[in-house]
Amino acid sequence: MSDLCWEGLTLKHISHREIVIPYLVFIIMALLFELFLILLFVFSEFLFIMYNFAPNLLFYISGLVLIVIMTLTVFIFKDVMNKVKSLSAEISE
């Protein structure tokens, strides 16, 4: 079941550039948004330290979830980029 989910997220069986390129743009936007959230998380942690405030456990759990989501997005981005490169190689041949 997880293999099917991963194949769907990485567009393993899709070979149309009209689908792959917009999906790649979507993944890039998701990556940028997650980078923004990580920066916001680090900035809020800095403010917590500066004002001697102890955040609760949910703050740290959300940070871990953010790291997991960011890791998955990077892996998806790498696989989709490989897909775009293979499509480019097929077109040029």
PDB file of N, CA and C in Angstrom:
ATOM      1  N   MET A   1       0.824  -1.192   0.000  1.00  0.00           N
ATOM      2  CA  MET A   1       0.000   0.000   0.000  1.00  0.00           C
ATOM      3  C   MET A   1       0.872   1.261   0.000  1.00  0.00           C
ATOM      4  N   SER A   2       1.924   1.254   0.823  1.00  0.00           N
ATOM      5  CA  SER A   2       2.796   2.419   0.861  1.00  0.00           C
ATOM      6  C   SER A   2       3.577   2.567  -0.441  1.00  0.00           C
ATOM      7  N   ASP A   3       3.868   1.445  -1.108  1.00  0.00           N
ATOM      8  CA  ASP A   3       4.544   1.521  -2.404  1.00  0.00           C
ATOM      9  C   ASP A   3       3.675   2.229  -3.434  1.00  0.00           C
ATOM     10  N   LEU A   4       2.385   1.930  -3.424  1.00  0.00           N
ATOM     11  CA  LEU A   4       1.472   2.599  -4.352  1.00  0.00           C
ATOM     12  C   LEU A   4       1.379   4.095  -4.058  1.00  0.00           C
ATOM     13  N   CYS A   5       1.378   4.436  -2.792  1.00  0.00           N
ATOM     14  CA  CYS A   5       1.334   5.847  -2.410  1.00  0.00           C
ATOM     15  C   CYS A   5       2.596   6.556  -2.890  1.00  0.00           C
ATOM     16  N   TRP A   6       3.749   5.943  -2.690  1.00  0.00           N
ATOM     17  CA  TRP A   6       5.016   6.563  -3.112  1.00  0.00           C
ATOM     18  C   TRP A   6       5.080   6.685  -4.638  1.00  0.00           C
ATOM     19  N   GLU A   7       4.597   5.659  -5.350  1.00  0.00           N
ATOM     20  CA  GLU A   7       4.571   5.736  -6.810  1.00  0.00           C
ATOM     21  C   GLU A   7       3.655   6.856  -7.290  1.00  0.00           C
ATOM     22  N   GLY A   8       2.581   7.082  -6.581  1.00  0.00           N
ATOM     23  CA  GLY A   8       1.684   8.179  -6.940  1.00  0.00           C
ATOM     24  C   GLY A   8       2.295   9.534  -6.659  1.00  0.00           C
ATOM     25  N   LEU A   9       2.972   9.673  -5.519  1.00  0.00           N
ATOM     26  CA  LEU A   9       3.588  10.951  -5.168  1.00  0.00           C
ATOM     27  C   LEU A   9       4.757  11.307  -6.075  1.00  0.00           C
ATOM     28  N   THR A  10       5.470  10.306  -6.570  1.00  0.00           N
ATOM     29  CA  THR A  10       6.631  10.563  -7.421  1.00  0.00           C
ATOM     30  C   THR A  10       6.309  10.436  -8.907  1.00  0.00           C
ATOM     31  N   LEU A  11       5.055  10.245  -9.255  1.00  0.00           N
ATOM     32  CA  LEU A  11       4.600  10.148 -10.647  1.00  0.00           C
ATOM     33  C   LEU A  11       5.357   9.084 -11.430  1.00  0.00           C
ATOM     34  N   LYS A  12       5.471   7.903 -10.837  1.00  0.00           N
ATOM     35  CA  LYS A  12       6.275   6.842 -11.449  1.00  0.00           C
ATOM     36  C   LYS A  12       5.717   6.394 -12.798  1.00  0.00           C
ATOM     37  N   HIS A  13       4.406   6.351 -12.948  1.00  0.00           N
ATOM     38  CA  HIS A  13       3.800   5.831 -14.172  1.00  0.00           C
ATOM     39  C   HIS A  13       3.298   6.949 -15.091  1.00  0.00           C
ATOM     40  N   ILE A  14       3.657   8.177 -14.818  1.00  0.00           N
ATOM     41  CA  ILE A  14       3.232   9.313 -15.629  1.00  0.00           C
ATOM     42  C   ILE A  14       4.406   9.738 -16.514  1.00  0.00           C
ATOM     43  N   SER A  15       4.141   9.947 -17.795  1.00  0.00           N
ATOM     44  CA  SER A  15       5.218  10.348 -18.697  1.00  0.00           C
ATOM     45  C   SER A  15       4.869  11.584 -19.527  1.00  0.00           C
ATOM     46  N   HIS A  16       3.796  12.260 -19.207  1.00  0.00           N
ATOM     47  CA  HIS A  16       3.416  13.464 -19.951  1.00  0.00           C
ATOM     48  C   HIS A  16       4.037  14.691 -19.296  1.00  0.00           C
ATOM     49  N   ARG A  17       4.754  15.472 -20.089  1.00  0.00           N
ATOM     50  CA  ARG A  17       5.391  16.681 -19.555  1.00  0.00           C
ATOM     51  C   ARG A  17       4.350  17.683 -19.063  1.00  0.00           C
ATOM     52  N   GLU A  18       3.156  17.666 -19.642  1.00  0.00           N
ATOM     53  CA  GLU A  18       2.105  18.596 -19.239  1.00  0.00           C
ATOM     54  C   GLU A  18       1.629  18.333 -17.816  1.00  0.00           C
ATOM     55  N   ILE A  19       1.899  17.166 -17.294  1.00  0.00           N
ATOM     56  CA  ILE A  19       1.534  16.829 -15.917  1.00  0.00           C
ATOM     57  C   ILE A  19       2.750  16.948 -14.998  1.00  0.00           C
ATOM     58  N   VAL A  20       3.903  16.497 -15.470  1.00  0.00           N
ATOM     59  CA  VAL A  20       5.088  16.433 -14.620  1.00  0.00           C
ATOM     60  C   VAL A  20       5.613  17.826 -14.279  1.00  0.00           C
ATOM     61  N   ILE A  21       5.676  18.733 -15.252  1.00  0.00           N
ATOM     62  CA  ILE A  21       6.244  20.060 -15.011  1.00  0.00           C
ATOM     63  C   ILE A  21       5.402  20.867 -14.016  1.00  0.00           C
ATOM     64  N   PRO A  22       4.065  20.945 -14.147  1.00  0.00           N
ATOM     65  CA  PRO A  22       3.299  21.662 -13.106  1.00  0.00           C
ATOM     66  C   PRO A  22       3.409  21.012 -11.729  1.00  0.00           C
ATOM     67  N   TYR A  23       3.512  19.691 -11.684  1.00  0.00           N
ATOM     68  CA  TYR A  23       3.684  19.006 -10.407  1.00  0.00           C
ATOM     69  C   TYR A  23       5.022  19.372  -9.785  1.00  0.00           C
ATOM     70  N   LEU A  24       6.051  19.501 -10.628  1.00  0.00           N
ATOM     71  CA  LEU A  24       7.362  19.916 -10.142  1.00  0.00           C
ATOM     72  C   LEU A  24       7.305  21.332  -9.577  1.00  0.00           C
ATOM     73  N   VAL A  25       6.587  22.208 -10.241  1.00  0.00           N
ATOM     74  CA  VAL A  25       6.420  23.577  -9.729  1.00  0.00           C
ATOM     75  C   VAL A  25       5.687  23.553  -8.389  1.00  0.00           C
ATOM     76  N   PHE A  26       4.680  22.705  -8.260  1.00  0.00           N
ATOM     77  CA  PHE A  26       3.957  22.562  -6.995  1.00  0.00           C
ATOM     78  C   PHE A  26       4.890  22.078  -5.886  1.00  0.00           C
ATOM     79  N   ILE A  27       5.736  21.109  -6.179  1.00  0.00           N
ATOM     80  CA  ILE A  27       6.674  20.583  -5.185  1.00  0.00           C
ATOM     81  C   ILE A  27       7.670  21.662  -4.776  1.00  0.00           C
ATOM     82  N   ILE A  28       8.130  22.465  -5.732  1.00  0.00           N
ATOM     83  CA  ILE A  28       9.054  23.550  -5.409  1.00  0.00           C
ATOM     84  C   ILE A  28       8.380  24.569  -4.490  1.00  0.00           C
ATOM     85  N   MET A  29       7.122  24.898  -4.768  1.00  0.00           N
ATOM     86  CA  MET A  29       6.391  25.842  -3.907  1.00  0.00           C
ATOM     87  C   MET A  29       6.188  25.256  -2.503  1.00  0.00           C
ATOM     88  N   ALA A  30       5.903  23.967  -2.437  1.00  0.00           N
ATOM     89  CA  ALA A  30       5.766  23.314  -1.129  1.00  0.00           C
ATOM     90  C   ALA A  30       7.084  23.344  -0.370  1.00  0.00           C
ATOM     91  N   LEU A  31       8.179  23.133  -1.088  1.00  0.00           N
ATOM     92  CA  LEU A  31       9.502  23.168  -0.470  1.00  0.00           C
ATOM     93  C   LEU A  31       9.820  24.563   0.065  1.00  0.00           C
ATOM     94  N   LEU A  32       9.510  25.587  -0.709  1.00  0.00           N
ATOM     95  CA  LEU A  32       9.737  26.960  -0.251  1.00  0.00           C
ATOM     96  C   LEU A  32       8.887  27.286   0.977  1.00  0.00           C
ATOM     97  N   PHE A  33       7.629  26.846   0.969  1.00  0.00           N
ATOM     98  CA  PHE A  33       6.759  27.086   2.121  1.00  0.00           C
ATOM     99  C   PHE A  33       7.274  26.373   3.363  1.00  0.00           C
ATOM    100  N   GLU A  34       7.761  25.152   3.199  1.00  0.00           N
ATOM    101  CA  GLU A  34       8.299  24.423   4.343  1.00  0.00           C
ATOM    102  C   GLU A  34       9.580  25.062   4.859  1.00  0.00           C
ATOM    103  N   LEU A  35      10.400  25.601   3.967  1.00  0.00           N
ATOM    104  CA  LEU A  35      11.581  26.345   4.420  1.00  0.00           C
ATOM    105  C   LEU A  35      11.170  27.572   5.223  1.00  0.00           C
ATOM    106  N   PHE A  36      10.116  28.261   4.768  1.00  0.00           N
ATOM    107  CA  PHE A  36       9.596  29.396   5.523  1.00  0.00           C
ATOM    108  C   PHE A  36       9.129  28.958   6.908  1.00  0.00           C
ATOM    109  N   LEU A  37       8.435  27.833   6.989  1.00  0.00           N
ATOM    110  CA  LEU A  37       7.957  27.347   8.287  1.00  0.00           C
ATOM    111  C   LEU A  37       9.118  26.960   9.200  1.00  0.00           C
ATOM    112  N   ILE A  38      10.170  26.398   8.634  1.00  0.00           N
ATOM    113  CA  ILE A  38      11.337  26.057   9.451  1.00  0.00           C
ATOM    114  C   ILE A  38      11.995  27.317   9.983  1.00  0.00           C
ATOM    115  N   LEU A  39      12.126  28.334   9.123  1.00  0.00           N
ATOM    116  CA  LEU A  39      12.692  29.606   9.594  1.00  0.00           C
ATOM    117  C   LEU A  39      11.823  30.225  10.684  1.00  0.00           C
ATOM    118  N   LEU A  40      10.518  30.145  10.526  1.00  0.00           N
ATOM    119  CA  LEU A  40       9.602  30.658  11.545  1.00  0.00           C
ATOM    120  C   LEU A  40       9.737  29.880  12.846  1.00  0.00           C
ATOM    121  N   PHE A  41       9.905  28.579  12.740  1.00  0.00           N
ATOM    122  CA  PHE A  41      10.085  27.748  13.922  1.00  0.00           C
ATOM    123  C   PHE A  41      11.379  28.114  14.649  1.00  0.00           C
ATOM    124  N   VAL A  42      12.459  28.287  13.895  1.00  0.00           N
ATOM    125  CA  VAL A  42      13.747  28.647  14.506  1.00  0.00           C
ATOM    126  C   VAL A  42      13.666  30.035  15.129  1.00  0.00           C
ATOM    127  N   PHE A  43      13.015  30.983  14.449  1.00  0.00           N
ATOM    128  CA  PHE A  43      12.872  32.330  14.986  1.00  0.00           C
ATOM    129  C   PHE A  43      12.054  32.335  16.275  1.00  0.00           C
ATOM    130  N   SER A  44      10.979  31.560  16.295  1.00  0.00           N
ATOM    131  CA  SER A  44      10.175  31.510  17.522  1.00  0.00           C
ATOM    132  C   SER A  44      10.937  30.821  18.651  1.00  0.00           C
ATOM    133  N   GLU A  45      11.754  29.825  18.320  1.00  0.00           N
ATOM    134  CA  GLU A  45      12.589  29.200  19.352  1.00  0.00           C
ATOM    135  C   GLU A  45      13.597  30.216  19.908  1.00  0.00           C
ATOM    136  N   PHE A  46      14.155  31.036  19.029  1.00  0.00           N
ATOM    137  CA  PHE A  46      15.064  32.092  19.459  1.00  0.00           C
ATOM    138  C   PHE A  46      14.352  33.077  20.394  1.00  0.00           C
ATOM    139  N   LEU A  47      13.124  33.450  20.050  1.00  0.00           N
ATOM    140  CA  LEU A  47      12.365  34.357  20.920  1.00  0.00           C
ATOM    141  C   LEU A  47      12.047  33.712  22.269  1.00  0.00           C
ATOM    142  N   PHE A  48      11.731  32.424  22.248  1.00  0.00           N
ATOM    143  CA  PHE A  48      11.458  31.721  23.501  1.00  0.00           C
ATOM    144  C   PHE A  48      12.683  31.742  24.408  1.00  0.00           C
ATOM    145  N   ILE A  49      13.838  31.506  23.838  1.00  0.00           N
ATOM    146  CA  ILE A  49      15.077  31.514  24.630  1.00  0.00           C
ATOM    147  C   ILE A  49      15.376  32.916  25.136  1.00  0.00           C
ATOM    148  N   MET A  50      15.178  33.896  24.261  1.00  0.00           N
ATOM    149  CA  MET A  50      15.506  35.269  24.621  1.00  0.00           C
ATOM    150  C   MET A  50      14.639  35.786  25.768  1.00  0.00           C
ATOM    151  N   TYR A  51      13.365  35.397  25.794  1.00  0.00           N
ATOM    152  CA  TYR A  51      12.450  35.872  26.835  1.00  0.00           C
ATOM    153  C   TYR A  51      12.217  34.856  27.948  1.00  0.00           C
ATOM    154  N   ASN A  52      13.058  33.847  28.037  1.00  0.00           N
ATOM    155  CA  ASN A  52      12.983  32.824  29.091  1.00  0.00           C
ATOM    156  C   ASN A  52      11.600  32.192  29.202  1.00  0.00           C
ATOM    157  N   PHE A  53      11.058  31.824  28.057  1.00  0.00           N
ATOM    158  CA  PHE A  53       9.753  31.174  28.003  1.00  0.00           C
ATOM    159  C   PHE A  53       9.955  29.734  27.579  1.00  0.00           C
ATOM    160  N   ALA A  54       9.297  28.831  28.278  1.00  0.00           N
ATOM    161  CA  ALA A  54       9.416  27.405  27.947  1.00  0.00           C
ATOM    162  C   ALA A  54       8.181  26.959  27.159  1.00  0.00           C
ATOM    163  N   PRO A  55       8.335  26.638  25.880  1.00  0.00           N
ATOM    164  CA  PRO A  55       7.181  26.166  25.108  1.00  0.00           C
ATOM    165  C   PRO A  55       6.768  24.773  25.563  1.00  0.00           C
ATOM    166  N   ASN A  56       5.548  24.418  25.240  1.00  0.00           N
ATOM    167  CA  ASN A  56       5.068  23.103  25.660  1.00  0.00           C
ATOM    168  C   ASN A  56       5.526  22.022  24.675  1.00  0.00           C
ATOM    169  N   LEU A  57       5.151  20.808  24.967  1.00  0.00           N
ATOM    170  CA  LEU A  57       5.569  19.651  24.182  1.00  0.00           C
ATOM    171  C   LEU A  57       5.038  19.704  22.751  1.00  0.00           C
ATOM    172  N   LEU A  58       3.864  20.263  22.550  1.00  0.00           N
ATOM    173  CA  LEU A  58       3.286  20.329  21.205  1.00  0.00           C
ATOM    174  C   LEU A  58       4.142  21.161  20.253  1.00  0.00           C
ATOM    175  N   PHE A  59       4.815  22.167  20.767  1.00  0.00           N
ATOM    176  CA  PHE A  59       5.705  22.973  19.935  1.00  0.00           C
ATOM    177  C   PHE A  59       6.828  22.113  19.367  1.00  0.00           C
ATOM    178  N   TYR A  60       7.419  21.288  20.198  1.00  0.00           N
ATOM    179  CA  TYR A  60       8.512  20.434  19.741  1.00  0.00           C
ATOM    180  C   TYR A  60       8.012  19.293  18.855  1.00  0.00           C
ATOM    181  N   ILE A  61       6.830  18.783  19.127  1.00  0.00           N
ATOM    182  CA  ILE A  61       6.255  17.757  18.256  1.00  0.00           C
ATOM    183  C   ILE A  61       5.984  18.336  16.870  1.00  0.00           C
ATOM    184  N   SER A  62       5.493  19.563  16.819  1.00  0.00           N
ATOM    185  CA  SER A  62       5.252  20.191  15.517  1.00  0.00           C
ATOM    186  C   SER A  62       6.559  20.404  14.756  1.00  0.00           C
ATOM    187  N   GLY A  63       7.632  20.681  15.467  1.00  0.00           N
ATOM    188  CA  GLY A  63       8.942  20.792  14.822  1.00  0.00           C
ATOM    189  C   GLY A  63       9.385  19.469  14.221  1.00  0.00           C
ATOM    190  N   LEU A  64       9.167  18.379  14.938  1.00  0.00           N
ATOM    191  CA  LEU A  64       9.519  17.056  14.409  1.00  0.00           C
ATOM    192  C   LEU A  64       8.675  16.701  13.194  1.00  0.00           C
ATOM    193  N   VAL A  65       7.386  17.009  13.254  1.00  0.00           N
ATOM    194  CA  VAL A  65       6.509  16.758  12.110  1.00  0.00           C
ATOM    195  C   VAL A  65       6.960  17.578  10.903  1.00  0.00           C
ATOM    196  N   LEU A  66       7.352  18.806  11.142  1.00  0.00           N
ATOM    197  CA  LEU A  66       7.842  19.668  10.065  1.00  0.00           C
ATOM    198  C   LEU A  66       9.107  19.094   9.432  1.00  0.00           C
ATOM    199  N   ILE A  67       9.996  18.551  10.229  1.00  0.00           N
ATOM    200  CA  ILE A  67      11.216  17.937   9.704  1.00  0.00           C
ATOM    201  C   ILE A  67      10.891  16.702   8.864  1.00  0.00           C
ATOM    202  N   VAL A  68       9.943  15.899   9.325  1.00  0.00           N
ATOM    203  CA  VAL A  68       9.547  14.703   8.566  1.00  0.00           C
ATOM    204  C   VAL A  68       8.925  15.106   7.227  1.00  0.00           C
ATOM    205  N   ILE A  69       8.039  16.092   7.249  1.00  0.00           N
ATOM    206  CA  ILE A  69       7.404  16.542   6.011  1.00  0.00           C
ATOM    207  C   ILE A  69       8.442  17.125   5.055  1.00  0.00           C
ATOM    208  N   MET A  70       9.388  17.887   5.587  1.00  0.00           N
ATOM    209  CA  MET A  70      10.438  18.468   4.754  1.00  0.00           C
ATOM    210  C   MET A  70      11.288  17.372   4.127  1.00  0.00           C
ATOM    211  N   THR A  71      11.615  16.344   4.878  1.00  0.00           N
ATOM    212  CA  THR A  71      12.405  15.227   4.357  1.00  0.00           C
ATOM    213  C   THR A  71      11.663  14.518   3.225  1.00  0.00           C
ATOM    214  N   LEU A  72      10.382  14.249   3.426  1.00  0.00           N
ATOM    215  CA  LEU A  72       9.586  13.604   2.377  1.00  0.00           C
ATOM    216  C   LEU A  72       9.518  14.471   1.132  1.00  0.00           C
ATOM    217  N   THR A  73       9.351  15.771   1.301  1.00  0.00           N
ATOM    218  CA  THR A  73       9.267  16.671   0.153  1.00  0.00           C
ATOM    219  C   THR A  73      10.581  16.694  -0.623  1.00  0.00           C
ATOM    220  N   VAL A  74      11.697  16.659   0.080  1.00  0.00           N
ATOM    221  CA  VAL A  74      12.998  16.633  -0.602  1.00  0.00           C
ATOM    222  C   VAL A  74      13.156  15.341  -1.401  1.00  0.00           C
ATOM    223  N   PHE A  75      12.772  14.210  -0.839  1.00  0.00           N
ATOM    224  CA  PHE A  75      12.866  12.944  -1.563  1.00  0.00           C
ATOM    225  C   PHE A  75      11.937  12.929  -2.778  1.00  0.00           C
ATOM    226  N   ILE A  76      10.731  13.463  -2.611  1.00  0.00           N
ATOM    227  CA  ILE A  76       9.801  13.539  -3.734  1.00  0.00           C
ATOM    228  C   ILE A  76      10.371  14.453  -4.818  1.00  0.00           C
ATOM    229  N   PHE A  77      10.950  15.579  -4.407  1.00  0.00           N
ATOM    230  CA  PHE A  77      11.549  16.512  -5.363  1.00  0.00           C
ATOM    231  C   PHE A  77      12.667  15.843  -6.159  1.00  0.00           C
ATOM    232  N   LYS A  78      13.520  15.085  -5.483  1.00  0.00           N
ATOM    233  CA  LYS A  78      14.621  14.399  -6.163  1.00  0.00           C
ATOM    234  C   LYS A  78      14.097  13.378  -7.167  1.00  0.00           C
ATOM    235  N   ASP A  79      13.076  12.614  -6.785  1.00  0.00           N
ATOM    236  CA  ASP A  79      12.531  11.613  -7.701  1.00  0.00           C
ATOM    237  C   ASP A  79      11.845  12.257  -8.904  1.00  0.00           C
ATOM    238  N   VAL A  80      11.125  13.340  -8.671  1.00  0.00           N
ATOM    239  CA  VAL A  80      10.454  14.014  -9.791  1.00  0.00           C
ATOM    240  C   VAL A  80      11.481  14.670 -10.706  1.00  0.00           C
ATOM    241  N   MET A  81      12.576  15.199 -10.153  1.00  0.00           N
ATOM    242  CA  MET A  81      13.633  15.763 -10.991  1.00  0.00           C
ATOM    243  C   MET A  81      14.272  14.676 -11.859  1.00  0.00           C
ATOM    244  N   ASN A  82      14.448  13.493 -11.314  1.00  0.00           N
ATOM    245  CA  ASN A  82      14.951  12.377 -12.114  1.00  0.00           C
ATOM    246  C   ASN A  82      13.971  12.031 -13.235  1.00  0.00           C
ATOM    247  N   LYS A  83      12.686  12.134 -12.923  1.00  0.00           N
ATOM    248  CA  LYS A  83      11.655  11.880 -13.931  1.00  0.00           C
ATOM    249  C   LYS A  83      11.733  12.912 -15.053  1.00  0.00           C
ATOM    250  N   VAL A  84      11.916  14.186 -14.693  1.00  0.00           N
ATOM    251  CA  VAL A  84      12.018  15.248 -15.691  1.00  0.00           C
ATOM    252  C   VAL A  84      13.263  15.040 -16.550  1.00  0.00           C
ATOM    253  N   LYS A  85      14.369  14.650 -15.934  1.00  0.00           N
ATOM    254  CA  LYS A  85      15.591  14.400 -16.697  1.00  0.00           C
ATOM    255  C   LYS A  85      15.414  13.234 -17.666  1.00  0.00           C
ATOM    256  N   SER A  86      14.737  12.185 -17.223  1.00  0.00           N
ATOM    257  CA  SER A  86      14.517  11.048 -18.129  1.00  0.00           C
ATOM    258  C   SER A  86      13.576  11.438 -19.256  1.00  0.00           C
ATOM    259  N   LEU A  87      12.573  12.275 -18.974  1.00  0.00           N
ATOM    260  CA  LEU A  87      11.699  12.739 -20.043  1.00  0.00           C
ATOM    261  C   LEU A  87      12.449  13.604 -21.044  1.00  0.00           C
ATOM    262  N   SER A  88      13.359  14.429 -20.544  1.00  0.00           N
ATOM    263  CA  SER A  88      14.164  15.273 -21.434  1.00  0.00           C
ATOM    264  C   SER A  88      15.076  14.410 -22.301  1.00  0.00           C
ATOM    265  N   ALA A  89      15.621  13.358 -21.730  1.00  0.00           N
ATOM    266  CA  ALA A  89      16.496  12.469 -22.493  1.00  0.00           C
ATOM    267  C   ALA A  89      15.708  11.726 -23.576  1.00  0.00           C
ATOM    268  N   GLU A  90      14.461  11.347 -23.277  1.00  0.00           N
ATOM    269  CA  GLU A  90      13.625  10.665 -24.258  1.00  0.00           C
ATOM    270  C   GLU A  90      13.271  11.587 -25.414  1.00  0.00           C
ATOM    271  N   ILE A  91      13.022  12.857 -25.111  1.00  0.00           N
ATOM    272  CA  ILE A  91      12.635  13.803 -26.150  1.00  0.00           C
ATOM    273  C   ILE A  91      13.821  14.122 -27.053  1.00  0.00           C
ATOM    274  N   SER A  92      15.018  14.244 -26.462  1.00  0.00           N
ATOM    275  CA  SER A  92      16.191  14.609 -27.253  1.00  0.00           C
ATOM    276  C   SER A  92      16.693  13.472 -28.136  1.00  0.00           C
ATOM    277  N   GLU A  93      16.310  12.234 -27.832  1.00  0.00           N
ATOM    278  CA  GLU A  93      16.765  11.096 -28.641  1.00  0.00           C
ATOM    279  C   GLU A  93      15.961  10.912 -29.862  1.00  0.00           C
TER     280      GLU A  93
END
